[in-house]
Amino acid sequence: MTTTDAPLALGIIGAGIMGERLIAALHGAPDSPVRVAALWDPSPEALARVGAAFPAVPRVADAAAVVAASACVYVASPPARISATPGPRWPPAGPCSARSPWRSTSPRPAPSWRPRGRPGR
């Protein structure tokens, strides 16, 4: 990065493990091409904890303020409604399917795709 290049303004939504690790990595890198422009978390406790560890990081009132202050936003949040228990694979294996090792706690939606070689299914 040259001295005339402005660093990328990165907003972070989520002050948990991943958000804190990202902030630590950026603050530990001299001449980083990225700066943390804003941080928000729905948990006031998490926001205060990370804010105390990194007082130079601007904390904002909501996710919209993160977006407004940033050129790029990283959402440091776990997937919604996912358990940590490996479960049955969905959708089932096939030429047009994806596999996930995690079981969702939400009901399975009807697939919007049709596997190849199985018309009408």
C-alpha atoms as a PDB file:
ATOM      1  CA  MET A   1       0.000   0.000   0.000  1.00  0.00           C
ATOM      2  CA  THR A   2       1.377   3.386  -0.893  1.00  0.00           C
ATOM      3  CA  THR A   3       0.903   6.419   1.304  1.00  0.00           C
ATOM      4  CA  THR A   4      -1.611   7.940  -1.141  1.00  0.00           C
ATOM      5  CA  ASP A   5      -3.970   4.951  -0.992  1.00  0.00           C
ATOM      6  CA  ALA A   6      -6.730   5.230   1.574  1.00  0.00           C
ATOM      7  CA  PRO A   7      -7.374   2.025   3.538  1.00  0.00           C
ATOM      8  CA  LEU A   8     -10.589   0.129   2.875  1.00  0.00           C
ATOM      9  CA  ALA A   9     -13.245   1.035   5.454  1.00  0.00           C
ATOM     10  CA  LEU A  10     -14.456  -2.293   6.860  1.00  0.00           C
ATOM     11  CA  GLY A  11     -17.551  -2.545   9.021  1.00  0.00           C
ATOM     12  CA  ILE A  12     -18.034  -5.525  11.316  1.00  0.00           C
ATOM     13  CA  ILE A  13     -21.394  -6.773  12.517  1.00  0.00           C
ATOM     14  CA  GLY A  14     -20.776  -9.153  15.398  1.00  0.00           C
ATOM     15  CA  ALA A  15     -18.475  -8.735  18.387  1.00  0.00           C
ATOM     16  CA  GLY A  16     -18.133 -12.413  19.190  1.00  0.00           C
ATOM     17  CA  ILE A  17     -15.190 -14.710  18.586  1.00  0.00           C
ATOM     18  CA  MET A  18     -14.851 -14.073  14.836  1.00  0.00           C
ATOM     19  CA  GLY A  19     -15.414 -10.321  15.030  1.00  0.00           C
ATOM     20  CA  GLU A  20     -12.879  -9.951  17.831  1.00  0.00           C
ATOM     21  CA  ARG A  21     -10.293 -12.090  16.018  1.00  0.00           C
ATOM     22  CA  LEU A  22     -10.687 -10.050  12.843  1.00  0.00           C
ATOM     23  CA  ILE A  23     -10.251  -6.788  14.739  1.00  0.00           C
ATOM     24  CA  ALA A  24      -7.165  -8.167  16.524  1.00  0.00           C
ATOM     25  CA  ALA A  25      -5.627  -9.258  13.225  1.00  0.00           C
ATOM     26  CA  LEU A  26      -6.219  -5.870  11.601  1.00  0.00           C
ATOM     27  CA  HIS A  27      -4.895  -3.927  14.579  1.00  0.00           C
ATOM     28  CA  GLY A  28      -1.827  -6.146  14.740  1.00  0.00           C
ATOM     29  CA  ALA A  29      -0.931  -5.550  11.091  1.00  0.00           C
ATOM     30  CA  PRO A  30       1.120  -2.403  10.499  1.00  0.00           C
ATOM     31  CA  ASP A  31       0.298  -0.541   7.285  1.00  0.00           C
ATOM     32  CA  SER A  32      -2.853  -2.625   6.796  1.00  0.00           C
ATOM     33  CA  PRO A  33      -4.813  -1.790   3.653  1.00  0.00           C
ATOM     34  CA  VAL A  34      -7.977  -2.216   5.769  1.00  0.00           C
ATOM     35  CA  ARG A  35      -9.222  -0.221   8.749  1.00  0.00           C
ATOM     36  CA  VAL A  36     -12.195  -1.022  10.976  1.00  0.00           C
ATOM     37  CA  ALA A  37     -14.686   1.769  10.312  1.00  0.00           C
ATOM     38  CA  ALA A  38     -17.509   0.592  12.591  1.00  0.00           C
ATOM     39  CA  LEU A  39     -18.503  -2.245  14.926  1.00  0.00           C
ATOM     40  CA  TRP A  40     -21.951  -3.274  16.147  1.00  0.00           C
ATOM     41  CA  ASP A  41     -23.387  -6.250  17.983  1.00  0.00           C
ATOM     42  CA  PRO A  42     -26.938  -6.807  19.261  1.00  0.00           C
ATOM     43  CA  SER A  43     -25.426  -7.780  22.632  1.00  0.00           C
ATOM     44  CA  PRO A  44     -24.386  -4.685  24.608  1.00  0.00           C
ATOM     45  CA  GLU A  45     -22.110  -6.885  26.735  1.00  0.00           C
ATOM     46  CA  ALA A  46     -20.189  -8.224  23.718  1.00  0.00           C
ATOM     47  CA  LEU A  47     -19.895  -4.743  22.229  1.00  0.00           C
ATOM     48  CA  ALA A  48     -18.572  -3.346  25.524  1.00  0.00           C
ATOM     49  CA  ARG A  49     -16.075  -6.217  25.939  1.00  0.00           C
ATOM     50  CA  VAL A  50     -14.566  -5.778  22.466  1.00  0.00           C
ATOM     51  CA  GLY A  51     -14.732  -1.990  22.786  1.00  0.00           C
ATOM     52  CA  ALA A  52     -12.719  -2.157  26.005  1.00  0.00           C
ATOM     53  CA  ALA A  53     -10.081  -4.330  24.316  1.00  0.00           C
ATOM     54  CA  PHE A  54      -9.940  -2.106  21.205  1.00  0.00           C
ATOM     55  CA  PRO A  55     -10.956   1.444  22.214  1.00  0.00           C
ATOM     56  CA  ALA A  56      -9.922   2.912  18.849  1.00  0.00           C
ATOM     57  CA  VAL A  57     -12.614   0.913  17.025  1.00  0.00           C
ATOM     58  CA  PRO A  58     -15.751   3.035  16.524  1.00  0.00           C
ATOM     59  CA  ARG A  59     -18.843   1.387  18.033  1.00  0.00           C
ATOM     60  CA  VAL A  60     -22.173   2.338  16.480  1.00  0.00           C
ATOM     61  CA  ALA A  61     -25.843   2.069  17.458  1.00  0.00           C
ATOM     62  CA  ASP A  62     -27.107  -0.416  14.857  1.00  0.00           C
ATOM     63  CA  ALA A  63     -26.332  -2.444  11.742  1.00  0.00           C
ATOM     64  CA  ALA A  64     -27.516   0.355   9.451  1.00  0.00           C
ATOM     65  CA  ALA A  65     -24.842   2.643  10.927  1.00  0.00           C
ATOM     66  CA  VAL A  66     -22.196   0.004  10.167  1.00  0.00           C
ATOM     67  CA  VAL A  67     -23.310  -0.110   6.536  1.00  0.00           C
ATOM     68  CA  ALA A  68     -23.360   3.697   6.293  1.00  0.00           C
ATOM     69  CA  ALA A  69     -19.821   4.018   7.683  1.00  0.00           C
ATOM     70  CA  SER A  70     -18.234   1.256   5.592  1.00  0.00           C
ATOM     71  CA  ALA A  71     -17.191   0.420   2.053  1.00  0.00           C
ATOM     72  CA  CYS A  72     -17.412  -3.286   2.915  1.00  0.00           C
ATOM     73  CA  VAL A  73     -19.224  -5.137   5.731  1.00  0.00           C
ATOM     74  CA  TYR A  74     -18.214  -8.436   7.338  1.00  0.00           C
ATOM     75  CA  VAL A  75     -21.017 -10.233   9.171  1.00  0.00           C
ATOM     76  CA  ALA A  76     -19.340 -12.180  11.977  1.00  0.00           C
ATOM     77  CA  SER A  77     -22.369 -14.201  12.993  1.00  0.00           C
ATOM     78  CA  PRO A  78     -23.066 -17.913  13.199  1.00  0.00           C
ATOM     79  CA  PRO A  79     -25.664 -19.355  10.829  1.00  0.00           C
ATOM     80  CA  ALA A  80     -29.190 -19.048  12.176  1.00  0.00           C
ATOM     81  CA  ARG A  81     -30.891 -22.107  13.607  1.00  0.00           C
ATOM     82  CA  ILE A  82     -28.003 -24.527  13.164  1.00  0.00           C
ATOM     83  CA  SER A  83     -27.177 -27.077  15.831  1.00  0.00           C
ATOM     84  CA  ALA A  84     -23.658 -28.327  16.446  1.00  0.00           C
ATOM     85  CA  THR A  85     -24.823 -31.920  16.143  1.00  0.00           C
ATOM     86  CA  PRO A  86     -23.946 -33.727  12.919  1.00  0.00           C
ATOM     87  CA  GLY A  87     -27.143 -35.082  11.451  1.00  0.00           C
ATOM     88  CA  PRO A  88     -28.678 -36.475   8.307  1.00  0.00           C
ATOM     89  CA  ARG A  89     -27.485 -34.914   5.104  1.00  0.00           C
ATOM     90  CA  TRP A  90     -29.973 -32.683   3.291  1.00  0.00           C
ATOM     91  CA  PRO A  91     -30.595 -32.495   0.422  1.00  0.00           C
ATOM     92  CA  PRO A  92     -29.845 -36.145  -0.326  1.00  0.00           C
ATOM     93  CA  ALA A  93     -26.727 -36.952  -2.315  1.00  0.00           C
ATOM     94  CA  GLY A  94     -27.138 -36.673  -6.050  1.00  0.00           C
ATOM     95  CA  PRO A  95     -25.666 -35.041  -9.132  1.00  0.00           C
ATOM     96  CA  CYS A  96     -27.325 -31.709  -8.291  1.00  0.00           C
ATOM     97  CA  SER A  97     -27.104 -31.537  -4.522  1.00  0.00           C
ATOM     98  CA  ALA A  98     -25.028 -30.000  -1.776  1.00  0.00           C
ATOM     99  CA  ARG A  99     -24.074 -31.766   1.432  1.00  0.00           C
ATOM    100  CA  SER A 100     -23.978 -30.250   4.880  1.00  0.00           C
ATOM    101  CA  PRO A 101     -22.634 -31.986   7.995  1.00  0.00           C
ATOM    102  CA  TRP A 102     -24.961 -29.965  10.237  1.00  0.00           C
ATOM    103  CA  ARG A 103     -28.574 -30.601  11.065  1.00  0.00           C
ATOM    104  CA  SER A 104     -30.864 -27.600  10.895  1.00  0.00           C
ATOM    105  CA  THR A 105     -33.343 -27.131  13.731  1.00  0.00           C
ATOM    106  CA  SER A 106     -35.844 -25.555  11.338  1.00  0.00           C
ATOM    107  CA  PRO A 107     -38.222 -27.592   9.169  1.00  0.00           C
ATOM    108  CA  ARG A 108     -36.874 -28.654   5.801  1.00  0.00           C
ATOM    109  CA  PRO A 109     -38.191 -26.552   2.937  1.00  0.00           C
ATOM    110  CA  ALA A 110     -39.284 -28.261  -0.242  1.00  0.00           C
ATOM    111  CA  PRO A 111     -36.374 -28.200  -2.704  1.00  0.00           C
ATOM    112  CA  SER A 112     -36.753 -25.700  -5.515  1.00  0.00           C
ATOM    113  CA  TRP A 113     -34.433 -27.698  -7.779  1.00  0.00           C
ATOM    114  CA  ARG A 114     -34.847 -30.985  -9.583  1.00  0.00           C
ATOM    115  CA  PRO A 115     -31.978 -33.493  -9.529  1.00  0.00           C
ATOM    116  CA  ARG A 116     -30.737 -34.568 -12.946  1.00  0.00           C
ATOM    117  CA  GLY A 117     -31.894 -37.946 -14.150  1.00  0.00           C
ATOM    118  CA  ARG A 118     -34.940 -37.990 -11.892  1.00  0.00           C
ATOM    119  CA  PRO A 119     -37.742 -36.235 -13.772  1.00  0.00           C
ATOM    120  CA  GLY A 120     -40.948 -35.478 -11.942  1.00  0.00           C
ATOM    121  CA  ARG A 121     -39.536 -35.940  -8.507  1.00  0.00           C
END
